[in-house]
Amino acid sequence: MYLPLIVITMGDAAGVGPEIIMKSLARASLYDTCRPLVVGDANRLRQAGRIAGVSLDVRSISSPSEAVFSFGSVDCIDLALIPADLPFGEISPIAGDAAYRFIAKAVELVQADLADAICTAPLNKEALHAGGHHFPGHTEMLAHLTGTPEVSMMLVAPKLRVIHVTTHIGLIDAVERINPGLVERTISRGHDTLIRAGISDPKIGVCAINPHAGENGLFGRGEEAQKIAPAIAACIAKGWNVEGPLPADTLFFRAGRGDFDLVVAMYHDQGHGPIKVLGIEMGVNITVGLPVIRTSVDHGTAFDIAGKGIADERSMLEALRQAVDLATHRG
């Protein structure tokens, strides 16, 4: 049986990324589902392993062909960018620059067909900017590196999937940016991703922008009718199972009980809030629309606990599982 090769990027070396990677790779069962390969800094991983109480050998390699993919031995394409004395829990331009370079190397490997998917540990946006890379986050960085004009963020929790029409912009700017074309393309990316994941006829619910979906014009300025309804009509015309625009509070309740396979959120907090209430420790972030598969933990660098060995690796394990599933069903 073919086991997909999943590239794991180390993220910000001052955060919990190195720890959760080492804790995840200490699970022998992981090697039954994939071939994990870390892109990062081998010495930092060794340090994180000691902190986390994980007894794993870290092999410093330069290409996937040198990897052994054997439990007990962590294969790391070592870019050797992190000083030994880099403190945990602090903003560092060195760590920010390195996080970018880890991602760039991972994209290079997948685009060269040397790997099947990317799974990312968290980065810190302030450190990333301090390191000279001015992206709002992983999603926009990956779009730039792959030359992709438009992508979407999908968050996955055990009982809920959410795709976002807009993400890292202010609320007023988000409402202005939303238009029927963008909404339709977002629904389409979500629909196609679920089809590839094995859901043959996904049920999709689309959030309104305003409370009570505008209450027939009482709230807002007609955004639902102007910006969202035409996109839903176009999707229904394709034969897709799409419903909305629906009041977000009602829609998320219905999705939580299983009425929908996917919720389309209009802006960042509309989608992120319900996912994180359901359990950030099991959440996964998937970038949809890229020519490469990318999943990520749905939490940040957690500088307050970094370097203490107490970070929870469950989101990383779930992100790896999602990467394996998407890589297995791709095409």
Protein backbone atom coordinates (compact mmCIF):
# COMPACT_ATOMS: atom_id res chain seq x y z
CA MET A 1 0.00 0.00 0.00
CA TYR A 2 1.30 3.43 -0.95
CA LEU A 3 1.90 5.68 2.03
CA PRO A 4 1.79 9.39 1.15
CA LEU A 5 4.85 11.46 1.98
CA ILE A 6 3.77 14.37 4.17
CA VAL A 7 6.15 17.30 4.60
CA ILE A 8 5.82 18.85 8.07
CA THR A 9 7.12 22.41 8.36
CA MET A 10 8.51 23.37 11.76
CA GLY A 11 6.86 26.80 11.90
CA ASP A 12 8.22 29.44 14.28
CA ALA A 13 11.10 27.88 16.19
CA ALA A 14 10.33 30.05 19.24
CA GLY A 15 6.82 28.62 19.50
CA VAL A 16 5.33 25.20 20.24
CA GLY A 17 5.82 23.86 16.71
CA PRO A 18 9.00 21.86 17.40
CA GLU A 19 7.44 20.30 20.51
CA ILE A 20 4.16 19.23 18.93
CA ILE A 21 6.03 17.78 15.96
CA MET A 22 8.24 15.65 18.19
CA LYS A 23 5.27 14.55 20.31
CA SER A 24 3.32 13.61 17.18
CA LEU A 25 6.19 11.64 15.67
CA ALA A 26 6.44 9.71 18.93
CA ARG A 27 3.18 7.98 17.93
CA ALA A 28 4.16 4.72 16.23
CA SER A 29 0.74 4.41 14.58
CA LEU A 30 1.45 7.52 12.50
CA TYR A 31 3.96 5.57 10.45
CA ASP A 32 1.24 3.10 9.46
CA THR A 33 -0.57 5.88 7.54
CA CYS A 34 2.16 8.09 6.05
CA ARG A 35 5.84 8.86 5.59
CA PRO A 36 6.48 12.01 7.67
CA LEU A 37 9.34 14.31 6.70
CA VAL A 38 10.15 17.47 8.67
CA VAL A 39 11.53 20.61 7.05
CA GLY A 40 13.12 22.69 9.76
CA ASP A 41 16.11 22.74 12.06
CA ALA A 42 17.40 19.42 13.37
CA ASN A 43 19.07 20.83 16.49
CA ARG A 44 15.87 22.67 17.47
CA LEU A 45 13.90 19.45 17.11
CA ARG A 46 16.41 17.61 19.31
CA GLN A 47 16.11 20.36 21.93
CA ALA A 48 12.29 20.23 21.74
CA GLY A 49 12.37 16.47 22.09
CA ARG A 50 14.38 16.73 25.31
CA ILE A 51 12.00 19.37 26.65
CA ALA A 52 8.94 17.27 25.77
CA GLY A 53 10.43 14.08 27.16
CA VAL A 54 10.42 12.36 23.79
CA SER A 55 13.19 9.86 23.03
CA LEU A 56 13.56 10.08 19.26
CA ASP A 57 16.66 10.27 17.11
CA VAL A 58 16.66 13.24 14.72
CA ARG A 59 18.42 12.58 11.41
CA SER A 60 19.72 15.63 9.56
CA ILE A 61 19.27 15.06 5.82
CA SER A 62 19.28 17.18 2.67
CA SER A 63 16.70 15.45 0.46
CA PRO A 64 13.74 13.03 0.74
CA SER A 65 15.83 10.30 -0.89
CA GLU A 66 17.92 10.11 2.29
CA ALA A 67 14.94 9.57 4.59
CA VAL A 68 14.30 6.19 6.24
CA PHE A 69 10.71 6.86 7.44
CA SER A 70 11.11 4.57 10.43
CA PHE A 71 9.45 5.04 13.82
CA GLY A 72 11.97 6.19 16.39
CA SER A 73 13.95 8.19 13.87
CA VAL A 74 12.79 11.66 12.76
CA ASP A 75 13.86 12.58 9.22
CA CYS A 76 14.56 16.33 9.00
CA ILE A 77 15.60 18.29 5.95
CA ASP A 78 17.82 20.55 7.98
CA LEU A 79 18.05 24.16 6.82
CA ALA A 80 20.16 24.94 9.91
CA LEU A 81 18.75 28.45 10.39
CA ILE A 82 18.11 28.53 14.14
CA PRO A 83 20.84 29.56 16.62
CA ALA A 84 21.26 27.18 19.54
CA ASP A 85 20.52 29.95 22.03
CA LEU A 86 17.31 31.22 20.39
CA PRO A 87 14.88 31.67 23.32
CA PHE A 88 11.43 30.13 23.33
CA GLY A 89 8.42 32.39 23.71
CA GLU A 90 9.87 35.57 22.17
CA ILE A 91 9.41 37.37 18.86
CA SER A 92 12.45 36.76 16.67
CA PRO A 93 13.12 37.98 13.12
CA ILE A 94 15.46 35.01 12.70
CA ALA A 95 12.65 32.58 13.55
CA GLY A 96 10.22 34.53 11.34
CA ASP A 97 12.54 34.37 8.34
CA ALA A 98 13.22 30.69 8.97
CA ALA A 99 9.50 29.89 9.12
CA TYR A 100 9.12 31.38 5.64
CA ARG A 101 12.06 29.40 4.31
CA PHE A 102 10.70 26.15 5.74
CA ILE A 103 7.44 26.73 3.84
CA ALA A 104 9.25 27.69 0.62
CA LYS A 105 11.27 24.46 0.76
CA ALA A 106 8.16 22.38 1.39
CA VAL A 107 6.38 23.93 -1.61
CA GLU A 108 9.45 23.21 -3.73
CA LEU A 109 9.37 19.54 -2.72
CA VAL A 110 5.67 19.07 -3.44
CA GLN A 111 5.81 20.90 -6.76
CA ALA A 112 8.72 18.67 -7.79
CA ASP A 113 6.55 15.61 -6.99
CA LEU A 114 8.92 14.60 -4.21
CA ALA A 115 6.14 14.82 -1.59
CA ASP A 116 2.35 14.51 -1.54
CA ALA A 117 1.18 17.16 0.94
CA ILE A 118 2.27 19.83 3.40
CA CYS A 119 1.29 19.97 7.07
CA THR A 120 2.34 23.16 8.85
CA ALA A 121 3.17 23.93 12.46
CA PRO A 122 2.19 27.47 13.51
CA LEU A 123 4.10 30.63 12.67
CA ASN A 124 3.96 34.04 14.30
CA LYS A 125 2.82 36.88 12.04
CA GLU A 126 4.77 39.54 13.92
CA ALA A 127 7.96 37.50 13.69
CA LEU A 128 7.28 36.74 10.03
CA HIS A 129 6.99 40.47 9.29
CA ALA A 130 10.09 41.23 11.38
CA GLY A 131 11.92 38.68 9.26
CA GLY A 132 11.05 40.61 6.12
CA HIS A 133 8.09 38.57 4.84
CA HIS A 134 4.94 40.67 4.79
CA PHE A 135 2.12 38.16 4.54
CA PRO A 136 -0.97 38.01 6.79
CA GLY A 137 -0.36 34.30 7.35
CA HIS A 138 0.30 30.87 5.88
CA THR A 139 -2.66 31.02 3.49
CA GLU A 140 -1.51 34.13 1.66
CA MET A 141 2.12 33.02 1.71
CA LEU A 142 1.29 29.69 0.09
CA ALA A 143 -0.83 31.43 -2.55
CA HIS A 144 2.16 33.64 -3.37
CA LEU A 145 4.67 30.78 -3.48
CA THR A 146 2.48 28.69 -5.77
CA GLY A 147 1.34 31.56 -7.99
CA THR A 148 -2.30 31.00 -7.04
CA PRO A 149 -4.46 34.13 -7.43
CA GLU A 150 -7.20 33.12 -4.98
CA VAL A 151 -7.52 30.53 -2.23
CA SER A 152 -9.85 29.86 0.69
CA MET A 153 -9.38 28.89 4.31
CA MET A 154 -11.32 25.85 5.51
CA LEU A 155 -11.44 24.96 9.19
CA VAL A 156 -12.33 21.41 10.19
CA ALA A 157 -13.42 20.24 13.63
CA PRO A 158 -14.85 16.83 14.59
CA LYS A 159 -18.47 17.99 13.99
CA LEU A 160 -18.08 21.01 11.73
CA ARG A 161 -16.40 22.25 8.55
CA VAL A 162 -16.27 25.95 7.69
CA ILE A 163 -14.91 27.70 4.60
CA HIS A 164 -14.37 31.46 4.61
CA VAL A 165 -15.23 33.97 1.90
CA THR A 166 -12.87 36.53 3.50
CA THR A 167 -10.26 36.05 6.23
CA HIS A 168 -7.50 38.36 7.40
CA ILE A 169 -9.01 41.78 6.77
CA GLY A 170 -11.09 44.17 8.86
CA LEU A 171 -14.84 43.64 9.11
CA ILE A 172 -15.78 46.78 7.15
CA ASP A 173 -13.32 45.83 4.41
CA ALA A 174 -14.65 42.26 4.39
CA VAL A 175 -18.24 43.37 3.78
CA GLU A 176 -17.04 45.62 0.97
CA ARG A 177 -14.99 42.84 -0.63
CA ILE A 178 -17.77 40.24 -0.64
CA ASN A 179 -19.45 39.92 -4.03
CA PRO A 180 -21.43 37.20 -5.85
CA GLY A 181 -18.43 36.02 -7.85
CA LEU A 182 -16.24 35.58 -4.78
CA VAL A 183 -19.00 33.82 -2.87
CA GLU A 184 -19.65 31.44 -5.77
CA ARG A 185 -15.95 30.64 -6.18
CA THR A 186 -15.64 29.99 -2.44
CA ILE A 187 -18.62 27.63 -2.45
CA SER A 188 -17.13 25.89 -5.50
CA ARG A 189 -13.76 25.35 -3.82
CA GLY A 190 -15.46 23.91 -0.76
CA HIS A 191 -17.73 21.69 -2.84
CA ASP A 192 -14.80 20.32 -4.86
CA THR A 193 -12.74 19.63 -1.73
CA LEU A 194 -15.53 17.62 -0.12
CA ILE A 195 -16.08 15.67 -3.34
CA ARG A 196 -12.36 14.78 -3.37
CA ALA A 197 -12.62 13.76 0.29
CA GLY A 198 -15.29 11.22 -0.63
CA ILE A 199 -18.55 13.10 0.11
CA SER A 200 -20.52 12.54 -3.08
CA ASP A 201 -23.27 15.16 -2.67
CA PRO A 202 -22.18 17.63 0.02
CA LYS A 203 -24.84 19.67 1.80
CA ILE A 204 -23.65 23.29 2.02
CA GLY A 205 -25.15 26.05 4.16
CA VAL A 206 -24.25 29.68 3.42
CA CYS A 207 -24.17 32.32 6.16
CA ALA A 208 -25.74 35.73 5.81
CA ILE A 209 -23.77 38.85 6.67
CA ASN A 210 -26.36 40.61 8.82
CA PRO A 211 -28.27 39.40 11.91
CA HIS A 212 -31.38 37.38 11.00
CA ALA A 213 -30.11 37.34 7.38
CA GLY A 214 -31.17 40.98 7.09
CA GLU A 215 -34.79 40.30 8.12
CA ASN A 216 -36.04 41.11 4.61
CA GLY A 217 -34.24 44.43 4.50
CA LEU A 218 -34.75 45.58 8.10
CA PHE A 219 -31.06 45.09 8.95
CA GLY A 220 -28.14 46.07 6.77
CA ARG A 221 -28.22 47.53 3.29
CA GLY A 222 -29.46 44.63 1.23
CA GLU A 223 -26.16 42.73 1.30
CA GLU A 224 -27.80 39.31 1.34
CA ALA A 225 -29.81 39.95 -1.83
CA GLN A 226 -27.01 41.75 -3.63
CA LYS A 227 -23.89 39.87 -2.62
CA ILE A 228 -24.86 36.32 -1.60
CA ALA A 229 -28.18 35.19 -3.10
CA PRO A 230 -27.01 35.34 -6.76
CA ALA A 231 -24.06 33.05 -5.95
CA ILE A 232 -26.31 30.52 -4.23
CA ALA A 233 -28.70 30.56 -7.19
CA ALA A 234 -25.79 29.89 -9.57
CA CYS A 235 -24.64 26.93 -7.48
CA ILE A 236 -28.13 25.47 -7.25
CA ALA A 237 -28.35 25.76 -11.03
CA LYS A 238 -25.34 23.43 -11.21
CA GLY A 239 -27.31 20.84 -9.27
CA TRP A 240 -25.48 21.39 -6.00
CA ASN A 241 -27.14 21.06 -2.60
CA VAL A 242 -26.71 24.64 -1.35
CA GLU A 243 -28.98 26.54 1.06
CA GLY A 244 -28.95 30.18 2.20
CA PRO A 245 -28.27 32.90 2.95
CA LEU A 246 -29.15 31.77 6.48
CA PRO A 247 -28.74 33.53 9.83
CA ALA A 248 -25.33 32.45 11.09
CA ASP A 249 -26.50 31.53 14.59
CA THR A 250 -29.21 29.21 13.25
CA LEU A 251 -26.96 27.77 10.56
CA PHE A 252 -24.18 26.81 12.95
CA PHE A 253 -26.71 25.16 15.27
CA ARG A 254 -28.08 23.12 12.38
CA ALA A 255 -24.60 22.25 11.12
CA GLY A 256 -23.63 21.08 14.60
CA ARG A 257 -26.48 18.58 14.62
CA GLY A 258 -25.48 17.26 11.18
CA ASP A 259 -27.74 19.09 8.71
CA PHE A 260 -24.78 20.36 6.65
CA ASP A 261 -21.40 19.02 5.57
CA LEU A 262 -19.99 22.52 5.14
CA VAL A 263 -20.76 26.05 6.32
CA VAL A 264 -19.71 29.04 4.20
CA ALA A 265 -18.77 31.92 6.53
CA MET A 266 -18.56 35.47 5.22
CA TYR A 267 -15.74 36.73 7.45
CA HIS A 268 -13.02 35.53 9.81
CA ASP A 269 -14.67 35.56 13.24
CA GLN A 270 -18.03 34.35 11.94
CA GLY A 271 -16.37 31.04 11.08
CA HIS A 272 -13.54 30.83 13.58
CA GLY A 273 -15.65 31.36 16.70
CA PRO A 274 -17.83 28.24 16.43
CA ILE A 275 -14.88 26.05 15.43
CA LYS A 276 -12.84 27.12 18.44
CA VAL A 277 -15.75 26.69 20.83
CA LEU A 278 -16.05 23.09 19.62
CA GLY A 279 -12.41 22.42 20.49
CA ILE A 280 -9.31 24.17 19.19
CA GLU A 281 -7.20 21.19 20.26
CA MET A 282 -8.76 19.10 17.48
CA GLY A 283 -9.20 21.81 14.85
CA VAL A 284 -7.45 21.75 11.48
CA ASN A 285 -6.87 24.49 8.93
CA ILE A 286 -6.91 23.48 5.24
CA THR A 287 -5.93 25.85 2.45
CA VAL A 288 -8.36 25.20 -0.40
CA GLY A 289 -7.64 26.08 -4.03
CA LEU A 290 -3.87 25.55 -4.03
CA PRO A 291 -2.16 23.24 -6.52
CA VAL A 292 -0.69 21.50 -3.45
CA ILE A 293 -2.41 19.96 -0.43
CA ARG A 294 -1.85 21.92 2.76
CA THR A 295 -3.25 21.33 6.22
CA SER A 296 -2.29 22.99 9.50
CA VAL A 297 -2.94 23.05 13.20
CA ASP A 298 -5.70 25.48 14.11
CA HIS A 299 -3.80 27.26 16.86
CA GLY A 300 -0.98 29.73 17.17
CA THR A 301 2.59 29.59 18.41
CA ALA A 302 1.48 29.73 22.08
CA PHE A 303 4.52 31.68 23.22
CA ASP A 304 3.20 31.60 26.79
CA ILE A 305 3.81 27.84 27.06
CA ALA A 306 6.51 27.32 24.41
CA GLY A 307 9.59 25.53 25.69
CA LYS A 308 7.77 24.00 28.65
CA GLY A 309 6.94 20.64 27.09
CA ILE A 310 3.21 20.92 27.81
CA ALA A 311 1.84 21.82 24.36
CA ASP A 312 -1.01 19.61 23.14
CA GLU A 313 -0.21 17.74 19.91
CA ARG A 314 -3.74 16.57 19.06
CA SER A 315 -4.37 19.30 16.47
CA MET A 316 -1.11 18.39 14.72
CA LEU A 317 -2.09 14.71 14.67
CA GLU A 318 -5.49 15.60 13.23
CA ALA A 319 -3.88 17.89 10.63
CA LEU A 320 -1.62 15.03 9.58
CA ARG A 321 -4.63 12.72 9.34
CA GLN A 322 -6.46 15.22 7.13
CA ALA A 323 -3.36 15.62 4.93
CA VAL A 324 -3.13 11.86 4.50
CA ASP A 325 -6.84 11.63 3.64
CA LEU A 326 -6.69 14.41 1.04
CA ALA A 327 -3.47 13.05 -0.47
CA THR A 328 -4.98 9.57 -0.70
CA HIS A 329 -8.11 10.84 -2.52
CA ARG A 330 -6.49 13.52 -4.70
CA GLY A 331 -7.08 13.57 -8.41
